[in-house]
């Protein structure tokens, strides 16, 4: 387990797994899902757009995620309805207005499918 935790690709692998699970939970089609980045370095792991709804998701393999400048940029520029930071910790909690840290263990209860 220690070797696995220290592998340089574990974060990217975990991120891909979580994105696939989010797409399934949201019932989002591929053409509704995007990666977003700016030349200044801000990025968002998953942007889901359906009609007028814009949902943002950032994936962090940590148990204590923090609100970042990149997340603030995504909220402002993309006019997100909400931003969820999916993390490896045990609980879900607010990070800011319309921004919450969602535990991977609670993701299927906390995030509702798109209508």
PDB file of N, CA and C in Angstrom:
ATOM      1  N   UNK A   1       0.824  -1.193   0.000  1.00  0.00           N
ATOM      2  CA  UNK A   1       0.000   0.000   0.000  1.00  0.00           C
ATOM      3  C   UNK A   1       0.872   1.264   0.000  1.00  0.00           C
ATOM      4  N   UNK A   2       1.959   1.215   0.743  1.00  0.00           N
ATOM      5  CA  UNK A   2       2.844   2.370   0.814  1.00  0.00           C
ATOM      6  C   UNK A   2       3.448   2.678  -0.562  1.00  0.00           C
ATOM      7  N   UNK A   3       3.834   1.635  -1.303  1.00  0.00           N
ATOM      8  CA  UNK A   3       4.371   1.842  -2.653  1.00  0.00           C
ATOM      9  C   UNK A   3       3.315   2.464  -3.562  1.00  0.00           C
ATOM     10  N   UNK A   4       2.084   1.991  -3.451  1.00  0.00           N
ATOM     11  CA  UNK A   4       0.990   2.523  -4.266  1.00  0.00           C
ATOM     12  C   UNK A   4       0.745   3.991  -3.945  1.00  0.00           C
ATOM     13  N   UNK A   5       0.690   4.326  -2.661  1.00  0.00           N
ATOM     14  CA  UNK A   5       0.451   5.714  -2.239  1.00  0.00           C
ATOM     15  C   UNK A   5       1.543   6.658  -2.736  1.00  0.00           C
ATOM     16  N   UNK A   6       2.755   6.168  -2.883  1.00  0.00           N
ATOM     17  CA  UNK A   6       3.860   7.002  -3.302  1.00  0.00           C
ATOM     18  C   UNK A   6       4.068   7.076  -4.805  1.00  0.00           C
ATOM     19  N   UNK A   7       3.270   6.350  -5.559  1.00  0.00           N
ATOM     20  CA  UNK A   7       3.448   6.332  -7.015  1.00  0.00           C
ATOM     21  C   UNK A   7       3.033   7.676  -7.615  1.00  0.00           C
ATOM     22  N   UNK A   8       3.834   8.225  -8.555  1.00  0.00           N
ATOM     23  CA  UNK A   8       3.526   9.550  -9.117  1.00  0.00           C
ATOM     24  C   UNK A   8       2.238   9.611  -9.940  1.00  0.00           C
ATOM     25  N   UNK A   9       1.711   8.500 -10.375  1.00  0.00           N
ATOM     26  CA  UNK A   9       0.502   8.517 -11.206  1.00  0.00           C
ATOM     27  C   UNK A   9      -0.779   8.284 -10.414  1.00  0.00           C
ATOM     28  N   UNK A  10      -0.676   8.075  -9.110  1.00  0.00           N
ATOM     29  CA  UNK A  10      -1.877   7.753  -8.339  1.00  0.00           C
ATOM     30  C   UNK A  10      -2.888   8.903  -8.352  1.00  0.00           C
ATOM     31  N   UNK A  11      -2.411  10.145  -8.299  1.00  0.00           N
ATOM     32  CA  UNK A  11      -3.331  11.289  -8.312  1.00  0.00           C
ATOM     33  C   UNK A  11      -4.120  11.371  -9.604  1.00  0.00           C
ATOM     34  N   UNK A  12      -3.452  11.202 -10.732  1.00  0.00           N
ATOM     35  CA  UNK A  12      -4.123  11.261 -12.035  1.00  0.00           C
ATOM     36  C   UNK A  12      -5.087  10.094 -12.200  1.00  0.00           C
ATOM     37  N   UNK A  13      -4.696   8.932 -11.734  1.00  0.00           N
ATOM     38  CA  UNK A  13      -5.566   7.757 -11.817  1.00  0.00           C
ATOM     39  C   UNK A  13      -6.823   7.960 -10.981  1.00  0.00           C
ATOM     40  N   UNK A  14      -6.644   8.471  -9.772  1.00  0.00           N
ATOM     41  CA  UNK A  14      -7.774   8.714  -8.882  1.00  0.00           C
ATOM     42  C   UNK A  14      -8.702   9.781  -9.471  1.00  0.00           C
ATOM     43  N   UNK A  15      -8.106  10.820 -10.050  1.00  0.00           N
ATOM     44  CA  UNK A  15      -8.886  11.882 -10.682  1.00  0.00           C
ATOM     45  C   UNK A  15      -9.746  11.326 -11.819  1.00  0.00           C
ATOM     46  N   UNK A  16      -9.170  10.489 -12.662  1.00  0.00           N
ATOM     47  CA  UNK A  16      -9.926   9.880 -13.757  1.00  0.00           C
ATOM     48  C   UNK A  16     -11.071   9.022 -13.253  1.00  0.00           C
ATOM     49  N   UNK A  17     -10.818   8.245 -12.202  1.00  0.00           N
ATOM     50  CA  UNK A  17     -11.870   7.421 -11.608  1.00  0.00           C
ATOM     51  C   UNK A  17     -13.017   8.286 -11.093  1.00  0.00           C
ATOM     52  N   UNK A  18     -12.695   9.340 -10.363  1.00  0.00           N
ATOM     53  CA  UNK A  18     -13.724  10.207  -9.784  1.00  0.00           C
ATOM     54  C   UNK A  18     -14.528  10.905 -10.884  1.00  0.00           C
ATOM     55  N   UNK A  19     -13.867  11.382 -11.920  1.00  0.00           N
ATOM     56  CA  UNK A  19     -14.579  12.033 -13.024  1.00  0.00           C
ATOM     57  C   UNK A  19     -15.566  11.069 -13.672  1.00  0.00           C
ATOM     58  N   UNK A  20     -15.149   9.843 -13.903  1.00  0.00           N
ATOM     59  CA  UNK A  20     -16.069   8.851 -14.475  1.00  0.00           C
ATOM     60  C   UNK A  20     -17.262   8.593 -13.561  1.00  0.00           C
ATOM     61  N   UNK A  21     -17.020   8.523 -12.259  1.00  0.00           N
ATOM     62  CA  UNK A  21     -18.115   8.316 -11.312  1.00  0.00           C
ATOM     63  C   UNK A  21     -19.060   9.519 -11.287  1.00  0.00           C
ATOM     64  N   UNK A  22     -18.503  10.727 -11.352  1.00  0.00           N
ATOM     65  CA  UNK A  22     -19.335  11.934 -11.392  1.00  0.00           C
ATOM     66  C   UNK A  22     -20.231  11.950 -12.631  1.00  0.00           C
ATOM     67  N   UNK A  23     -19.651  11.631 -13.780  1.00  0.00           N
ATOM     68  CA  UNK A  23     -20.434  11.612 -15.020  1.00  0.00           C
ATOM     69  C   UNK A  23     -21.582  10.615 -14.911  1.00  0.00           C
ATOM     70  N   UNK A  24     -21.307   9.449 -14.332  1.00  0.00           N
ATOM     71  CA  UNK A  24     -22.365   8.447 -14.140  1.00  0.00           C
ATOM     72  C   UNK A  24     -23.449   8.968 -13.209  1.00  0.00           C
ATOM     73  N   UNK A  25     -23.036   9.547 -12.069  1.00  0.00           N
ATOM     74  CA  UNK A  25     -23.996  10.025 -11.078  1.00  0.00           C
ATOM     75  C   UNK A  25     -24.858  11.149 -11.643  1.00  0.00           C
ATOM     76  N   UNK A  26     -24.240  12.063 -12.373  1.00  0.00           N
ATOM     77  CA  UNK A  26     -24.970  13.193 -12.947  1.00  0.00           C
ATOM     78  C   UNK A  26     -25.809  12.799 -14.154  1.00  0.00           C
ATOM     79  N   UNK A  27     -25.502  11.625 -14.729  1.00  0.00           N
ATOM     80  CA  UNK A  27     -26.124  11.191 -15.983  1.00  0.00           C
ATOM     81  C   UNK A  27     -25.805  12.203 -17.083  1.00  0.00           C
ATOM     82  N   UNK A  28     -24.552  12.652 -17.053  1.00  0.00           N
ATOM     83  CA  UNK A  28     -24.082  13.651 -18.017  1.00  0.00           C
ATOM     84  C   UNK A  28     -23.560  12.960 -19.269  1.00  0.00           C
ATOM     85  N   UNK A  29     -23.902  13.521 -20.409  1.00  0.00           N
ATOM     86  CA  UNK A  29     -23.404  13.011 -21.688  1.00  0.00           C
ATOM     87  C   UNK A  29     -22.006  13.564 -21.939  1.00  0.00           C
ATOM     88  N   UNK A  30     -21.225  12.858 -22.748  1.00  0.00           N
ATOM     89  CA  UNK A  30     -19.852  13.294 -23.038  1.00  0.00           C
ATOM     90  C   UNK A  30     -19.799  14.713 -23.572  1.00  0.00           C
ATOM     91  N   UNK A  31     -20.754  15.076 -24.424  1.00  0.00           N
ATOM     92  CA  UNK A  31     -20.742  16.412 -25.026  1.00  0.00           C
ATOM     93  C   UNK A  31     -21.122  17.517 -24.035  1.00  0.00           C
ATOM     94  N   UNK A  32     -21.499  17.156 -22.807  1.00  0.00           N
ATOM     95  CA  UNK A  32     -21.811  18.131 -21.764  1.00  0.00           C
ATOM     96  C   UNK A  32     -20.632  18.327 -20.799  1.00  0.00           C
ATOM     97  N   UNK A  33     -19.576  17.568 -20.980  1.00  0.00           N
ATOM     98  CA  UNK A  33     -18.463  17.537 -20.028  1.00  0.00           C
ATOM     99  C   UNK A  33     -17.191  18.105 -20.641  1.00  0.00           C
ATOM    100  N   UNK A  34     -16.531  18.977 -19.869  1.00  0.00           N
ATOM    101  CA  UNK A  34     -15.356  19.673 -20.369  1.00  0.00           C
ATOM    102  C   UNK A  34     -14.281  19.797 -19.291  1.00  0.00           C
ATOM    103  N   UNK A  35     -13.042  19.937 -19.735  1.00  0.00           N
ATOM    104  CA  UNK A  35     -11.928  20.372 -18.904  1.00  0.00           C
ATOM    105  C   UNK A  35     -11.732  21.841 -19.256  1.00  0.00           C
ATOM    106  N   UNK A  36     -11.469  22.688 -18.264  1.00  0.00           N
ATOM    107  CA  UNK A  36     -11.295  24.114 -18.524  1.00  0.00           C
ATOM    108  C   UNK A  36      -9.953  24.571 -17.955  1.00  0.00           C
ATOM    109  N   UNK A  37      -9.245  25.383 -18.738  1.00  0.00           N
ATOM    110  CA  UNK A  37      -7.975  25.945 -18.271  1.00  0.00           C
ATOM    111  C   UNK A  37      -7.727  27.288 -18.948  1.00  0.00           C
ATOM    112  N   UNK A  38      -6.953  28.139 -18.276  1.00  0.00           N
ATOM    113  CA  UNK A  38      -6.564  29.435 -18.832  1.00  0.00           C
ATOM    114  C   UNK A  38      -5.052  29.451 -19.037  1.00  0.00           C
ATOM    115  N   UNK A  39      -4.586  30.407 -19.825  1.00  0.00           N
ATOM    116  CA  UNK A  39      -3.144  30.572 -20.024  1.00  0.00           C
ATOM    117  C   UNK A  39      -2.451  30.987 -18.730  1.00  0.00           C
ATOM    118  N   UNK A  40      -3.197  31.590 -17.833  1.00  0.00           N
ATOM    119  CA  UNK A  40      -2.627  32.027 -16.555  1.00  0.00           C
ATOM    120  C   UNK A  40      -2.463  30.874 -15.566  1.00  0.00           C
ATOM    121  N   UNK A  41      -2.992  29.685 -15.912  1.00  0.00           N
ATOM    122  CA  UNK A  41      -2.801  28.522 -15.057  1.00  0.00           C
ATOM    123  C   UNK A  41      -4.014  28.059 -14.285  1.00  0.00           C
ATOM    124  N   UNK A  42      -5.103  28.815 -14.306  1.00  0.00           N
ATOM    125  CA  UNK A  42      -6.313  28.368 -13.625  1.00  0.00           C
ATOM    126  C   UNK A  42      -6.904  27.191 -14.393  1.00  0.00           C
ATOM    127  N   UNK A  43      -7.452  26.232 -13.660  1.00  0.00           N
ATOM    128  CA  UNK A  43      -8.075  25.093 -14.328  1.00  0.00           C
ATOM    129  C   UNK A  43      -9.187  24.510 -13.482  1.00  0.00           C
ATOM    130  N   UNK A  44     -10.029  23.735 -14.147  1.00  0.00           N
ATOM    131  CA  UNK A  44     -11.139  23.043 -13.505  1.00  0.00           C
ATOM    132  C   UNK A  44     -11.168  21.637 -14.082  1.00  0.00           C
ATOM    133  N   UNK A  45     -11.172  20.636 -13.218  1.00  0.00           N
ATOM    134  CA  UNK A  45     -11.092  19.246 -13.680  1.00  0.00           C
ATOM    135  C   UNK A  45     -12.310  18.815 -14.483  1.00  0.00           C
ATOM    136  N   UNK A  46     -13.487  19.273 -14.087  1.00  0.00           N
ATOM    137  CA  UNK A  46     -14.701  18.896 -14.812  1.00  0.00           C
ATOM    138  C   UNK A  46     -15.702  20.049 -14.778  1.00  0.00           C
ATOM    139  N   UNK A  47     -16.127  20.464 -15.946  1.00  0.00           N
ATOM    140  CA  UNK A  47     -17.190  21.448 -16.122  1.00  0.00           C
ATOM    141  C   UNK A  47     -18.329  20.728 -16.829  1.00  0.00           C
ATOM    142  N   UNK A  48     -19.503  20.740 -16.221  1.00  0.00           N
ATOM    143  CA  UNK A  48     -20.668  20.103 -16.820  1.00  0.00           C
ATOM    144  C   UNK A  48     -21.680  21.190 -17.146  1.00  0.00           C
ATOM    145  N   UNK A  49     -22.048  21.259 -18.418  1.00  0.00           N
ATOM    146  CA  UNK A  49     -22.993  22.277 -18.883  1.00  0.00           C
ATOM    147  C   UNK A  49     -24.204  21.585 -19.475  1.00  0.00           C
ATOM    148  N   UNK A  50     -25.363  21.881 -18.896  1.00  0.00           N
ATOM    149  CA  UNK A  50     -26.628  21.394 -19.446  1.00  0.00           C
ATOM    150  C   UNK A  50     -27.615  22.550 -19.359  1.00  0.00           C
ATOM    151  N   UNK A  51     -28.085  22.974 -20.532  1.00  0.00           N
ATOM    152  CA  UNK A  51     -28.984  24.133 -20.633  1.00  0.00           C
ATOM    153  C   UNK A  51     -28.311  25.322 -19.937  1.00  0.00           C
ATOM    154  N   UNK A  52     -28.959  25.904 -18.937  1.00  0.00           N
ATOM    155  CA  UNK A  52     -28.396  27.069 -18.238  1.00  0.00           C
ATOM    156  C   UNK A  52     -27.624  26.680 -16.977  1.00  0.00           C
ATOM    157  N   UNK A  53     -27.519  25.403 -16.703  1.00  0.00           N
ATOM    158  CA  UNK A  53     -26.812  24.936 -15.510  1.00  0.00           C
ATOM    159  C   UNK A  53     -25.348  24.696 -15.826  1.00  0.00           C
ATOM    160  N   UNK A  54     -24.479  25.262 -14.999  1.00  0.00           N
ATOM    161  CA  UNK A  54     -23.029  25.077 -15.136  1.00  0.00           C
ATOM    162  C   UNK A  54     -22.490  24.617 -13.794  1.00  0.00           C
ATOM    163  N   UNK A  55     -22.059  23.366 -13.745  1.00  0.00           N
ATOM    164  CA  UNK A  55     -21.529  22.789 -12.525  1.00  0.00           C
ATOM    165  C   UNK A  55     -20.026  22.579 -12.662  1.00  0.00           C
ATOM    166  N   UNK A  56     -19.298  22.945 -11.626  1.00  0.00           N
ATOM    167  CA  UNK A  56     -17.854  22.756 -11.634  1.00  0.00           C
ATOM    168  C   UNK A  56     -17.439  21.729 -10.604  1.00  0.00           C
ATOM    169  N   UNK A  57     -16.415  20.948 -10.963  1.00  0.00           N
ATOM    170  CA  UNK A  57     -15.886  19.930 -10.058  1.00  0.00           C
ATOM    171  C   UNK A  57     -14.365  19.955 -10.104  1.00  0.00           C
ATOM    172  N   UNK A  58     -13.795  19.967  -8.938  1.00  0.00           N
ATOM    173  CA  UNK A  58     -12.346  19.868  -8.794  1.00  0.00           C
ATOM    174  C   UNK A  58     -12.088  18.606  -7.978  1.00  0.00           C
ATOM    175  N   UNK A  59     -11.094  17.831  -8.378  1.00  0.00           N
ATOM    176  CA  UNK A  59     -10.799  16.570  -7.721  1.00  0.00           C
ATOM    177  C   UNK A  59      -9.479  16.711  -6.980  1.00  0.00           C
ATOM    178  N   UNK A  60      -9.493  16.434  -5.678  1.00  0.00           N
ATOM    179  CA  UNK A  60      -8.293  16.558  -4.852  1.00  0.00           C
ATOM    180  C   UNK A  60      -8.120  15.282  -4.031  1.00  0.00           C
ATOM    181  N   UNK A  61      -6.954  14.673  -4.150  1.00  0.00           N
ATOM    182  CA  UNK A  61      -6.682  13.453  -3.396  1.00  0.00           C
ATOM    183  C   UNK A  61      -6.052  13.827  -2.058  1.00  0.00           C
ATOM    184  N   UNK A  62      -6.832  14.543  -1.280  1.00  0.00           N
ATOM    185  CA  UNK A  62      -6.428  14.989   0.051  1.00  0.00           C
ATOM    186  C   UNK A  62      -7.642  14.865   0.954  1.00  0.00           C
ATOM    187  N   UNK A  63      -7.438  14.909   2.238  1.00  0.00           N
ATOM    188  CA  UNK A  63      -8.571  14.849   3.158  1.00  0.00           C
ATOM    189  C   UNK A  63      -8.953  16.233   3.676  1.00  0.00           C
ATOM    190  N   UNK A  64      -8.193  17.253   3.288  1.00  0.00           N
ATOM    191  CA  UNK A  64      -8.501  18.612   3.752  1.00  0.00           C
ATOM    192  C   UNK A  64      -8.299  19.624   2.621  1.00  0.00           C
ATOM    193  N   UNK A  65      -9.208  19.627   1.641  1.00  0.00           N
ATOM    194  CA  UNK A  65      -9.076  20.564   0.521  1.00  0.00           C
ATOM    195  C   UNK A  65      -9.313  22.009   0.952  1.00  0.00           C
ATOM    196  N   UNK A  66      -8.719  22.902   0.216  1.00  0.00           N
ATOM    197  CA  UNK A  66      -8.864  24.348   0.466  1.00  0.00           C
ATOM    198  C   UNK A  66      -9.347  25.041  -0.807  1.00  0.00           C
ATOM    199  N   UNK A  67      -9.998  26.168  -0.635  1.00  0.00           N
ATOM    200  CA  UNK A  67     -10.415  27.001  -1.755  1.00  0.00           C
ATOM    201  C   UNK A  67      -9.169  27.659  -2.345  1.00  0.00           C
ATOM    202  N   UNK A  68      -9.003  27.572  -3.657  1.00  0.00           N
ATOM    203  CA  UNK A  68      -7.807  28.112  -4.313  1.00  0.00           C
ATOM    204  C   UNK A  68      -8.177  29.289  -5.223  1.00  0.00           C
ATOM    205  N   UNK A  69      -7.173  30.018  -5.645  1.00  0.00           N
ATOM    206  CA  UNK A  69      -7.381  31.113  -6.586  1.00  0.00           C
ATOM    207  C   UNK A  69      -7.937  30.568  -7.908  1.00  0.00           C
ATOM    208  N   UNK A  70      -7.474  29.406  -8.313  1.00  0.00           N
ATOM    209  CA  UNK A  70      -7.955  28.764  -9.534  1.00  0.00           C
ATOM    210  C   UNK A  70      -9.455  28.481  -9.454  1.00  0.00           C
ATOM    211  N   UNK A  71      -9.910  28.019  -8.304  1.00  0.00           N
ATOM    212  CA  UNK A  71     -11.344  27.749  -8.117  1.00  0.00           C
ATOM    213  C   UNK A  71     -12.146  29.049  -8.177  1.00  0.00           C
ATOM    214  N   UNK A  72     -11.627  30.089  -7.553  1.00  0.00           N
ATOM    215  CA  UNK A  72     -12.316  31.388  -7.590  1.00  0.00           C
ATOM    216  C   UNK A  72     -12.419  31.905  -9.027  1.00  0.00           C
ATOM    217  N   UNK A  73     -11.355  31.731  -9.804  1.00  0.00           N
ATOM    218  CA  UNK A  73     -11.379  32.143 -11.211  1.00  0.00           C
ATOM    219  C   UNK A  73     -12.437  31.378 -11.987  1.00  0.00           C
ATOM    220  N   UNK A  74     -12.518  30.080 -11.765  1.00  0.00           N
ATOM    221  CA  UNK A  74     -13.513  29.254 -12.462  1.00  0.00           C
ATOM    222  C   UNK A  74     -14.928  29.717 -12.124  1.00  0.00           C
ATOM    223  N   UNK A  75     -15.191  30.003 -10.864  1.00  0.00           N
ATOM    224  CA  UNK A  75     -16.518  30.465 -10.447  1.00  0.00           C
ATOM    225  C   UNK A  75     -16.874  31.766 -11.155  1.00  0.00           C
ATOM    226  N   UNK A  76     -15.940  32.695 -11.183  1.00  0.00           N
ATOM    227  CA  UNK A  76     -16.171  34.007 -11.786  1.00  0.00           C
ATOM    228  C   UNK A  76     -16.319  33.941 -13.297  1.00  0.00           C
ATOM    229  N   UNK A  77     -15.335  33.372 -13.969  1.00  0.00           N
ATOM    230  CA  UNK A  77     -15.318  33.380 -15.436  1.00  0.00           C
ATOM    231  C   UNK A  77     -16.370  32.469 -16.059  1.00  0.00           C
ATOM    232  N   UNK A  78     -16.643  31.349 -15.428  1.00  0.00           N
ATOM    233  CA  UNK A  78     -17.596  30.388 -15.989  1.00  0.00           C
ATOM    234  C   UNK A  78     -19.019  30.594 -15.482  1.00  0.00           C
ATOM    235  N   UNK A  79     -19.175  31.491 -14.499  1.00  0.00           N
ATOM    236  CA  UNK A  79     -20.490  31.749 -13.903  1.00  0.00           C
ATOM    237  C   UNK A  79     -21.142  30.435 -13.451  1.00  0.00           C
ATOM    238  N   UNK A  80     -20.406  29.701 -12.617  1.00  0.00           N
ATOM    239  CA  UNK A  80     -20.854  28.396 -12.151  1.00  0.00           C
ATOM    240  C   UNK A  80     -22.043  28.503 -11.203  1.00  0.00           C
ATOM    241  N   UNK A  81     -22.957  27.560 -11.328  1.00  0.00           N
ATOM    242  CA  UNK A  81     -24.064  27.448 -10.372  1.00  0.00           C
ATOM    243  C   UNK A  81     -23.535  26.971  -9.034  1.00  0.00           C
ATOM    244  N   UNK A  82     -22.556  26.068  -9.090  1.00  0.00           N
ATOM    245  CA  UNK A  82     -21.917  25.556  -7.879  1.00  0.00           C
ATOM    246  C   UNK A  82     -20.575  24.945  -8.250  1.00  0.00           C
ATOM    247  N   UNK A  83     -19.741  24.790  -7.239  1.00  0.00           N
ATOM    248  CA  UNK A  83     -18.448  24.131  -7.406  1.00  0.00           C
ATOM    249  C   UNK A  83     -18.301  23.140  -6.270  1.00  0.00           C
ATOM    250  N   UNK A  84     -18.081  21.881  -6.611  1.00  0.00           N
ATOM    251  CA  UNK A  84     -17.842  20.840  -5.621  1.00  0.00           C
ATOM    252  C   UNK A  84     -16.412  20.346  -5.764  1.00  0.00           C
ATOM    253  N   UNK A  85     -15.736  20.261  -4.634  1.00  0.00           N
ATOM    254  CA  UNK A  85     -14.379  19.728  -4.586  1.00  0.00           C
ATOM    255  C   UNK A  85     -14.494  18.321  -4.012  1.00  0.00           C
ATOM    256  N   UNK A  86     -14.316  17.319  -4.852  1.00  0.00           N
ATOM    257  CA  UNK A  86     -14.411  15.939  -4.401  1.00  0.00           C
ATOM    258  C   UNK A  86     -13.062  15.559  -3.806  1.00  0.00           C
ATOM    259  N   UNK A  87     -13.097  15.062  -2.561  1.00  0.00           N
ATOM    260  CA  UNK A  87     -11.838  14.784  -1.855  1.00  0.00           C
ATOM    261  C   UNK A  87     -11.880  13.415  -1.176  1.00  0.00           C
ATOM    262  N   UNK A  88     -10.720  13.003  -0.677  1.00  0.00           N
ATOM    263  CA  UNK A  88     -10.571  11.667  -0.096  1.00  0.00           C
ATOM    264  C   UNK A  88     -10.884  11.618   1.398  1.00  0.00           C
ATOM    265  N   UNK A  89     -11.315  12.709   1.972  1.00  0.00           N
ATOM    266  CA  UNK A  89     -11.604  12.752   3.404  1.00  0.00           C
ATOM    267  C   UNK A  89     -12.918  12.080   3.767  1.00  0.00           C
ATOM    268  N   UNK A  90     -13.292  12.231   5.009  1.00  0.00           N
ATOM    269  CA  UNK A  90     -14.456  11.539   5.564  1.00  0.00           C
ATOM    270  C   UNK A  90     -15.757  12.338   5.522  1.00  0.00           C
ATOM    271  N   UNK A  91     -15.662  13.660   5.464  1.00  0.00           N
ATOM    272  CA  UNK A  91     -16.897  14.447   5.604  1.00  0.00           C
ATOM    273  C   UNK A  91     -17.033  15.505   4.516  1.00  0.00           C
ATOM    274  N   UNK A  92     -18.266  15.992   4.390  1.00  0.00           N
ATOM    275  CA  UNK A  92     -18.590  17.055   3.443  1.00  0.00           C
ATOM    276  C   UNK A  92     -18.739  18.350   4.246  1.00  0.00           C
ATOM    277  N   UNK A  93     -18.191  19.455   3.715  1.00  0.00           N
ATOM    278  CA  UNK A  93     -18.278  20.724   4.427  1.00  0.00           C
ATOM    279  C   UNK A  93     -18.178  21.879   3.438  1.00  0.00           C
ATOM    280  N   UNK A  94     -18.649  23.048   3.860  1.00  0.00           N
ATOM    281  CA  UNK A  94     -18.621  24.248   3.013  1.00  0.00           C
ATOM    282  C   UNK A  94     -17.214  24.836   2.990  1.00  0.00           C
ATOM    283  N   UNK A  95     -16.825  25.313   1.802  1.00  0.00           N
ATOM    284  CA  UNK A  95     -15.563  26.040   1.650  1.00  0.00           C
ATOM    285  C   UNK A  95     -15.817  27.529   1.450  1.00  0.00           C
ATOM    286  N   UNK A  96     -16.939  27.862   0.829  1.00  0.00           N
ATOM    287  CA  UNK A  96     -17.336  29.243   0.557  1.00  0.00           C
ATOM    288  C   UNK A  96     -18.786  29.179   0.062  1.00  0.00           C
ATOM    289  N   UNK A  97     -19.334  30.337  -0.254  1.00  0.00           N
ATOM    290  CA  UNK A  97     -20.688  30.362  -0.806  1.00  0.00           C
ATOM    291  C   UNK A  97     -20.706  29.603  -2.137  1.00  0.00           C
ATOM    292  N   UNK A  98     -21.614  28.637  -2.255  1.00  0.00           N
ATOM    293  CA  UNK A  98     -21.769  27.790  -3.448  1.00  0.00           C
ATOM    294  C   UNK A  98     -20.552  26.912  -3.740  1.00  0.00           C
ATOM    295  N   UNK A  99     -19.665  26.746  -2.757  1.00  0.00           N
ATOM    296  CA  UNK A  99     -18.506  25.866  -2.906  1.00  0.00           C
ATOM    297  C   UNK A  99     -18.473  24.943  -1.699  1.00  0.00           C
ATOM    298  N   UNK A 100     -18.406  23.642  -1.972  1.00  0.00           N
ATOM    299  CA  UNK A 100     -18.315  22.710  -0.862  1.00  0.00           C
ATOM    300  C   UNK A 100     -17.298  21.620  -1.177  1.00  0.00           C
ATOM    301  N   UNK A 101     -16.730  21.090  -0.121  1.00  0.00           N
ATOM    302  CA  UNK A 101     -15.834  19.946  -0.210  1.00  0.00           C
ATOM    303  C   UNK A 101     -16.700  18.717   0.037  1.00  0.00           C
ATOM    304  N   UNK A 102     -16.764  17.826  -0.936  1.00  0.00           N
ATOM    305  CA  UNK A 102     -17.622  16.645  -0.851  1.00  0.00           C
ATOM    306  C   UNK A 102     -16.742  15.406  -0.723  1.00  0.00           C
ATOM    307  N   UNK A 103     -16.960  14.664   0.338  1.00  0.00           N
ATOM    308  CA  UNK A 103     -16.231  13.419   0.540  1.00  0.00           C
ATOM    309  C   UNK A 103     -16.606  12.415  -0.548  1.00  0.00           C
ATOM    310  N   UNK A 104     -15.619  11.712  -1.080  1.00  0.00           N
ATOM    311  CA  UNK A 104     -15.902  10.683  -2.088  1.00  0.00           C
ATOM    312  C   UNK A 104     -16.871   9.651  -1.525  1.00  0.00           C
ATOM    313  N   UNK A 105     -16.816   9.416  -0.228  1.00  0.00           N
ATOM    314  CA  UNK A 105     -17.704   8.441   0.403  1.00  0.00           C
ATOM    315  C   UNK A 105     -19.155   8.912   0.409  1.00  0.00           C
ATOM    316  N   UNK A 106     -19.373  10.227   0.350  1.00  0.00           N
ATOM    317  CA  UNK A 106     -20.719  10.800   0.375  1.00  0.00           C
ATOM    318  C   UNK A 106     -21.192  11.294  -0.983  1.00  0.00           C
ATOM    319  N   UNK A 107     -20.340  11.179  -1.992  1.00  0.00           N
ATOM    320  CA  UNK A 107     -20.619  11.769  -3.301  1.00  0.00           C
ATOM    321  C   UNK A 107     -21.970  11.345  -3.870  1.00  0.00           C
ATOM    322  N   UNK A 108     -22.308  10.062  -3.806  1.00  0.00           N
ATOM    323  CA  UNK A 108     -23.558   9.578  -4.403  1.00  0.00           C
ATOM    324  C   UNK A 108     -24.782  10.071  -3.636  1.00  0.00           C
ATOM    325  N   UNK A 109     -24.603  10.498  -2.387  1.00  0.00           N
ATOM    326  CA  UNK A 109     -25.713  11.052  -1.597  1.00  0.00           C
ATOM    327  C   UNK A 109     -25.797  12.565  -1.746  1.00  0.00           C
ATOM    328  N   UNK A 110     -24.659  13.217  -1.881  1.00  0.00           N
ATOM    329  CA  UNK A 110     -24.582  14.680  -1.907  1.00  0.00           C
ATOM    330  C   UNK A 110     -24.828  15.294  -3.284  1.00  0.00           C
ATOM    331  N   UNK A 111     -24.504  14.561  -4.333  1.00  0.00           N
ATOM    332  CA  UNK A 111     -24.632  15.094  -5.691  1.00  0.00           C
ATOM    333  C   UNK A 111     -25.799  14.413  -6.394  1.00  0.00           C
ATOM    334  N   UNK A 112     -26.715  15.229  -6.867  1.00  0.00           N
ATOM    335  CA  UNK A 112     -27.926  14.707  -7.495  1.00  0.00           C
ATOM    336  C   UNK A 112     -27.799  14.689  -9.018  1.00  0.00           C
ATOM    337  N   UNK A 113     -28.433  13.709  -9.679  1.00  0.00           N
ATOM    338  CA  UNK A 113     -28.402  13.672 -11.151  1.00  0.00           C
ATOM    339  C   UNK A 113     -29.002  14.946 -11.748  1.00  0.00           C
ATOM    340  N   UNK A 114     -28.515  15.323 -12.907  1.00  0.00           N
ATOM    341  CA  UNK A 114     -29.074  16.470 -13.630  1.00  0.00           C
ATOM    342  C   UNK A 114     -30.442  16.094 -14.176  1.00  0.00           C
ATOM    343  N   UNK A 115     -31.306  17.053 -14.233  1.00  0.00           N
ATOM    344  CA  UNK A 115     -32.655  16.819 -14.780  1.00  0.00           C
ATOM    345  C   UNK A 115     -32.684  17.066 -16.255  1.00  0.00           C
TER     346      UNK A 115
END
